[in-house]
Amino acid sequence: MEQYKDSSLKPSLRAKDLLGRMTLREKIGQINQRLYGFSVYERNGEEITLSEELKRK
């Protein structure tokens, strides 16, 4: 089992292992991502679509 998946290890060891496995592109993606929450979705009955707010951003 990979160290980052082993919940018995200290978080710092797990993080170090995971960061060592990530590409630069993945690391940059994590830094640059935004958390929009539920405002990115619109529900119309059973249909769920992306909101206009998200599309504008």
PDB file of N, CA and C in Angstrom:
ATOM      1  N   MET A   1       0.851  -1.186   0.000  1.00  0.00           N
ATOM      2  CA  MET A   1       0.000   0.000   0.000  1.00  0.00           C
ATOM      3  C   MET A   1       0.893   1.245   0.000  1.00  0.00           C
ATOM      4  N   GLU A   2       0.477   2.236  -0.796  1.00  0.00           N
ATOM      5  CA  GLU A   2       1.209   3.492  -0.829  1.00  0.00           C
ATOM      6  C   GLU A   2       1.093   4.190   0.523  1.00  0.00           C
ATOM      7  N   GLN A   3       2.150   4.896   0.919  1.00  0.00           N
ATOM      8  CA  GLN A   3       2.137   5.554   2.221  1.00  0.00           C
ATOM      9  C   GLN A   3       1.013   6.571   2.337  1.00  0.00           C
ATOM     10  N   TYR A   4       0.720   7.300   1.268  1.00  0.00           N
ATOM     11  CA  TYR A   4      -0.316   8.336   1.372  1.00  0.00           C
ATOM     12  C   TYR A   4      -1.697   7.759   1.617  1.00  0.00           C
ATOM     13  N   LYS A   5      -1.885   6.474   1.369  1.00  0.00           N
ATOM     14  CA  LYS A   5      -3.173   5.813   1.613  1.00  0.00           C
ATOM     15  C   LYS A   5      -3.247   5.166   2.986  1.00  0.00           C
ATOM     16  N   ASP A   6      -2.134   5.104   3.695  1.00  0.00           N
ATOM     17  CA  ASP A   6      -2.056   4.410   4.980  1.00  0.00           C
ATOM     18  C   ASP A   6      -2.440   5.352   6.118  1.00  0.00           C
ATOM     19  N   SER A   7      -3.650   5.228   6.607  1.00  0.00           N
ATOM     20  CA  SER A   7      -4.154   6.136   7.646  1.00  0.00           C
ATOM     21  C   SER A   7      -3.477   5.944   9.004  1.00  0.00           C
ATOM     22  N   SER A   8      -2.671   4.903   9.145  1.00  0.00           N
ATOM     23  CA  SER A   8      -1.971   4.699  10.410  1.00  0.00           C
ATOM     24  C   SER A   8      -0.698   5.549  10.496  1.00  0.00           C
ATOM     25  N   LEU A   9      -0.270   6.123   9.382  1.00  0.00           N
ATOM     26  CA  LEU A   9       0.937   6.951   9.372  1.00  0.00           C
ATOM     27  C   LEU A   9       0.604   8.397   9.708  1.00  0.00           C
ATOM     28  N   LYS A  10       1.627   9.136  10.119  1.00  0.00           N
ATOM     29  CA  LYS A  10       1.449  10.553  10.426  1.00  0.00           C
ATOM     30  C   LYS A  10       1.086  11.306   9.152  1.00  0.00           C
ATOM     31  N   PRO A  11       0.224  12.307   9.266  1.00  0.00           N
ATOM     32  CA  PRO A  11      -0.167  13.085   8.092  1.00  0.00           C
ATOM     33  C   PRO A  11       1.024  13.672   7.331  1.00  0.00           C
ATOM     34  N   SER A  12       2.060  14.089   8.033  1.00  0.00           N
ATOM     35  CA  SER A  12       3.210  14.681   7.354  1.00  0.00           C
ATOM     36  C   SER A  12       3.905  13.667   6.448  1.00  0.00           C
ATOM     37  N   LEU A  13       3.986  12.414   6.875  1.00  0.00           N
ATOM     38  CA  LEU A  13       4.584  11.365   6.031  1.00  0.00           C
ATOM     39  C   LEU A  13       3.707  11.063   4.834  1.00  0.00           C
ATOM     40  N   ARG A  14       2.415  11.020   5.062  1.00  0.00           N
ATOM     41  CA  ARG A  14       1.479  10.761   3.963  1.00  0.00           C
ATOM     42  C   ARG A  14       1.529  11.875   2.928  1.00  0.00           C
ATOM     43  N   ALA A  15       1.561  13.119   3.403  1.00  0.00           N
ATOM     44  CA  ALA A  15       1.622  14.260   2.487  1.00  0.00           C
ATOM     45  C   ALA A  15       2.916  14.255   1.685  1.00  0.00           C
ATOM     46  N   LYS A  16       4.023  13.973   2.343  1.00  0.00           N
ATOM     47  CA  LYS A  16       5.311  13.938   1.648  1.00  0.00           C
ATOM     48  C   LYS A  16       5.301  12.879   0.551  1.00  0.00           C
ATOM     49  N   ASP A  17       4.734  11.719   0.842  1.00  0.00           N
ATOM     50  CA  ASP A  17       4.654  10.645  -0.145  1.00  0.00           C
ATOM     51  C   ASP A  17       3.777  11.060  -1.323  1.00  0.00           C
ATOM     52  N   LEU A  18       2.628  11.635  -1.022  1.00  0.00           N
ATOM     53  CA  LEU A  18       1.711  12.038  -2.091  1.00  0.00           C
ATOM     54  C   LEU A  18       2.319  13.128  -2.964  1.00  0.00           C
ATOM     55  N   LEU A  19       2.922  14.128  -2.345  1.00  0.00           N
ATOM     56  CA  LEU A  19       3.540  15.203  -3.120  1.00  0.00           C
ATOM     57  C   LEU A  19       4.660  14.679  -4.013  1.00  0.00           C
ATOM     58  N   GLY A  20       5.375  13.670  -3.544  1.00  0.00           N
ATOM     59  CA  GLY A  20       6.432  13.071  -4.341  1.00  0.00           C
ATOM     60  C   GLY A  20       5.908  12.330  -5.562  1.00  0.00           C
ATOM     61  N   ARG A  21       4.672  11.924  -5.531  1.00  0.00           N
ATOM     62  CA  ARG A  21       4.050  11.196  -6.640  1.00  0.00           C
ATOM     63  C   ARG A  21       3.363  12.118  -7.646  1.00  0.00           C
ATOM     64  N   MET A  22       3.055  13.341  -7.218  1.00  0.00           N
ATOM     65  CA  MET A  22       2.312  14.268  -8.070  1.00  0.00           C
ATOM     66  C   MET A  22       3.229  14.939  -9.084  1.00  0.00           C
ATOM     67  N   THR A  23       2.694  15.196 -10.261  1.00  0.00           N
ATOM     68  CA  THR A  23       3.431  15.951 -11.271  1.00  0.00           C
ATOM     69  C   THR A  23       3.345  17.436 -10.928  1.00  0.00           C
ATOM     70  N   LEU A  24       4.199  18.224 -11.557  1.00  0.00           N
ATOM     71  CA  LEU A  24       4.144  19.668 -11.347  1.00  0.00           C
ATOM     72  C   LEU A  24       2.782  20.211 -11.772  1.00  0.00           C
ATOM     73  N   ARG A  25       2.271  19.700 -12.867  1.00  0.00           N
ATOM     74  CA  ARG A  25       0.955  20.141 -13.356  1.00  0.00           C
ATOM     75  C   ARG A  25      -0.135  19.864 -12.313  1.00  0.00           C
ATOM     76  N   GLU A  26      -0.093  18.698 -11.680  1.00  0.00           N
ATOM     77  CA  GLU A  26      -1.089  18.359 -10.650  1.00  0.00           C
ATOM     78  C   GLU A  26      -0.955  19.277  -9.438  1.00  0.00           C
ATOM     79  N   LYS A  27       0.276  19.574  -9.047  1.00  0.00           N
ATOM     80  CA  LYS A  27       0.490  20.464  -7.899  1.00  0.00           C
ATOM     81  C   LYS A  27      -0.032  21.863  -8.193  1.00  0.00           C
ATOM     82  N   ILE A  28       0.253  22.377  -9.377  1.00  0.00           N
ATOM     83  CA  ILE A  28      -0.236  23.703  -9.757  1.00  0.00           C
ATOM     84  C   ILE A  28      -1.758  23.704  -9.811  1.00  0.00           C
ATOM     85  N   GLY A  29      -2.336  22.626 -10.318  1.00  0.00           N
ATOM     86  CA  GLY A  29      -3.787  22.511 -10.370  1.00  0.00           C
ATOM     87  C   GLY A  29      -4.416  22.562  -8.992  1.00  0.00           C
ATOM     88  N   GLN A  30      -3.778  21.948  -8.018  1.00  0.00           N
ATOM     89  CA  GLN A  30      -4.300  21.979  -6.654  1.00  0.00           C
ATOM     90  C   GLN A  30      -4.236  23.388  -6.072  1.00  0.00           C
ATOM     91  N   ILE A  31      -3.154  24.084  -6.360  1.00  0.00           N
ATOM     92  CA  ILE A  31      -2.988  25.443  -5.835  1.00  0.00           C
ATOM     93  C   ILE A  31      -3.982  26.404  -6.475  1.00  0.00           C
ATOM     94  N   ASN A  32      -4.236  26.226  -7.756  1.00  0.00           N
ATOM     95  CA  ASN A  32      -5.068  27.166  -8.503  1.00  0.00           C
ATOM     96  C   ASN A  32      -6.554  26.868  -8.468  1.00  0.00           C
ATOM     97  N   GLN A  33      -6.963  25.740  -7.956  1.00  0.00           N
ATOM     98  CA  GLN A  33      -8.388  25.425  -8.000  1.00  0.00           C
ATOM     99  C   GLN A  33      -9.181  26.319  -7.057  1.00  0.00           C
ATOM    100  N   ARG A  34     -10.400  26.589  -7.448  1.00  0.00           N
ATOM    101  CA  ARG A  34     -11.303  27.392  -6.628  1.00  0.00           C
ATOM    102  C   ARG A  34     -12.454  26.510  -6.168  1.00  0.00           C
ATOM    103  N   LEU A  35     -12.918  26.759  -4.984  1.00  0.00           N
ATOM    104  CA  LEU A  35     -14.060  26.020  -4.446  1.00  0.00           C
ATOM    105  C   LEU A  35     -15.298  26.891  -4.601  1.00  0.00           C
ATOM    106  N   TYR A  36     -16.169  26.520  -5.512  1.00  0.00           N
ATOM    107  CA  TYR A  36     -17.349  27.320  -5.788  1.00  0.00           C
ATOM    108  C   TYR A  36     -18.571  26.877  -4.974  1.00  0.00           C
ATOM    109  N   GLY A  37     -18.597  25.658  -4.523  1.00  0.00           N
ATOM    110  CA  GLY A  37     -19.733  25.178  -3.761  1.00  0.00           C
ATOM    111  C   GLY A  37     -20.938  24.880  -4.631  1.00  0.00           C
ATOM    112  N   PHE A  38     -22.098  24.895  -4.028  1.00  0.00           N
ATOM    113  CA  PHE A  38     -23.319  24.507  -4.729  1.00  0.00           C
ATOM    114  C   PHE A  38     -23.792  25.549  -5.735  1.00  0.00           C
ATOM    115  N   SER A  39     -23.209  26.744  -5.715  1.00  0.00           N
ATOM    116  CA  SER A  39     -23.658  27.775  -6.651  1.00  0.00           C
ATOM    117  C   SER A  39     -23.272  27.459  -8.099  1.00  0.00           C
ATOM    118  N   VAL A  40     -22.476  26.427  -8.322  1.00  0.00           N
ATOM    119  CA  VAL A  40     -22.090  26.076  -9.692  1.00  0.00           C
ATOM    120  C   VAL A  40     -23.120  25.184 -10.370  1.00  0.00           C
ATOM    121  N   TYR A  41     -24.111  24.732  -9.632  1.00  0.00           N
ATOM    122  CA  TYR A  41     -25.123  23.836 -10.185  1.00  0.00           C
ATOM    123  C   TYR A  41     -26.503  24.484 -10.148  1.00  0.00           C
ATOM    124  N   GLU A  42     -27.291  24.141 -11.134  1.00  0.00           N
ATOM    125  CA  GLU A  42     -28.694  24.546 -11.138  1.00  0.00           C
ATOM    126  C   GLU A  42     -29.537  23.298 -11.358  1.00  0.00           C
ATOM    127  N   ARG A  43     -30.572  23.166 -10.589  1.00  0.00           N
ATOM    128  CA  ARG A  43     -31.450  22.009 -10.721  1.00  0.00           C
ATOM    129  C   ARG A  43     -32.791  22.442 -11.271  1.00  0.00           C
ATOM    130  N   ASN A  44     -33.227  21.746 -12.302  1.00  0.00           N
ATOM    131  CA  ASN A  44     -34.533  21.979 -12.893  1.00  0.00           C
ATOM    132  C   ASN A  44     -35.218  20.607 -12.945  1.00  0.00           C
ATOM    133  N   GLY A  45     -35.988  20.315 -11.923  1.00  0.00           N
ATOM    134  CA  GLY A  45     -36.582  18.981 -11.811  1.00  0.00           C
ATOM    135  C   GLY A  45     -35.494  17.958 -11.560  1.00  0.00           C
ATOM    136  N   GLU A  46     -35.398  16.971 -12.433  1.00  0.00           N
ATOM    137  CA  GLU A  46     -34.371  15.934 -12.299  1.00  0.00           C
ATOM    138  C   GLU A  46     -33.073  16.293 -13.025  1.00  0.00           C
ATOM    139  N   GLU A  47     -33.102  17.360 -13.803  1.00  0.00           N
ATOM    140  CA  GLU A  47     -31.933  17.762 -14.591  1.00  0.00           C
ATOM    141  C   GLU A  47     -31.034  18.695 -13.781  1.00  0.00           C
ATOM    142  N   ILE A  48     -29.733  18.421 -13.800  1.00  0.00           N
ATOM    143  CA  ILE A  48     -28.756  19.254 -13.115  1.00  0.00           C
ATOM    144  C   ILE A  48     -27.775  19.767 -14.163  1.00  0.00           C
ATOM    145  N   THR A  49     -27.586  21.090 -14.203  1.00  0.00           N
ATOM    146  CA  THR A  49     -26.685  21.704 -15.172  1.00  0.00           C
ATOM    147  C   THR A  49     -25.733  22.663 -14.456  1.00  0.00           C
ATOM    148  N   LEU A  50     -24.701  23.097 -15.181  1.00  0.00           N
ATOM    149  CA  LEU A  50     -23.788  24.085 -14.625  1.00  0.00           C
ATOM    150  C   LEU A  50     -24.450  25.453 -14.668  1.00  0.00           C
ATOM    151  N   SER A  51     -24.222  26.237 -13.650  1.00  0.00           N
ATOM    152  CA  SER A  51     -24.853  27.552 -13.559  1.00  0.00           C
ATOM    153  C   SER A  51     -24.199  28.546 -14.512  1.00  0.00           C
ATOM    154  N   GLU A  52     -24.918  29.595 -14.826  1.00  0.00           N
ATOM    155  CA  GLU A  52     -24.391  30.666 -15.665  1.00  0.00           C
ATOM    156  C   GLU A  52     -23.241  31.367 -14.954  1.00  0.00           C
ATOM    157  N   GLU A  53     -23.322  31.452 -13.636  1.00  0.00           N
ATOM    158  CA  GLU A  53     -22.249  32.081 -12.838  1.00  0.00           C
ATOM    159  C   GLU A  53     -20.922  31.356 -13.095  1.00  0.00           C
ATOM    160  N   LEU A  54     -20.935  30.050 -13.059  1.00  0.00           N
ATOM    161  CA  LEU A  54     -19.714  29.287 -13.301  1.00  0.00           C
ATOM    162  C   LEU A  54     -19.234  29.465 -14.729  1.00  0.00           C
ATOM    163  N   LYS A  55     -20.142  29.450 -15.662  1.00  0.00           N
ATOM    164  CA  LYS A  55     -19.766  29.612 -17.075  1.00  0.00           C
ATOM    165  C   LYS A  55     -19.098  30.962 -17.317  1.00  0.00           C
ATOM    166  N   ARG A  56     -19.550  31.996 -16.623  1.00  0.00           N
ATOM    167  CA  ARG A  56     -18.939  33.323 -16.765  1.00  0.00           C
ATOM    168  C   ARG A  56     -17.519  33.362 -16.227  1.00  0.00           C
ATOM    169  N   LYS A  57     -17.283  32.615 -15.167  1.00  0.00           N
ATOM    170  CA  LYS A  57     -15.948  32.614 -14.543  1.00  0.00           C
ATOM    171  C   LYS A  57     -15.008  31.793 -15.366  1.00  0.00           C
TER     172      LYS A  57
END
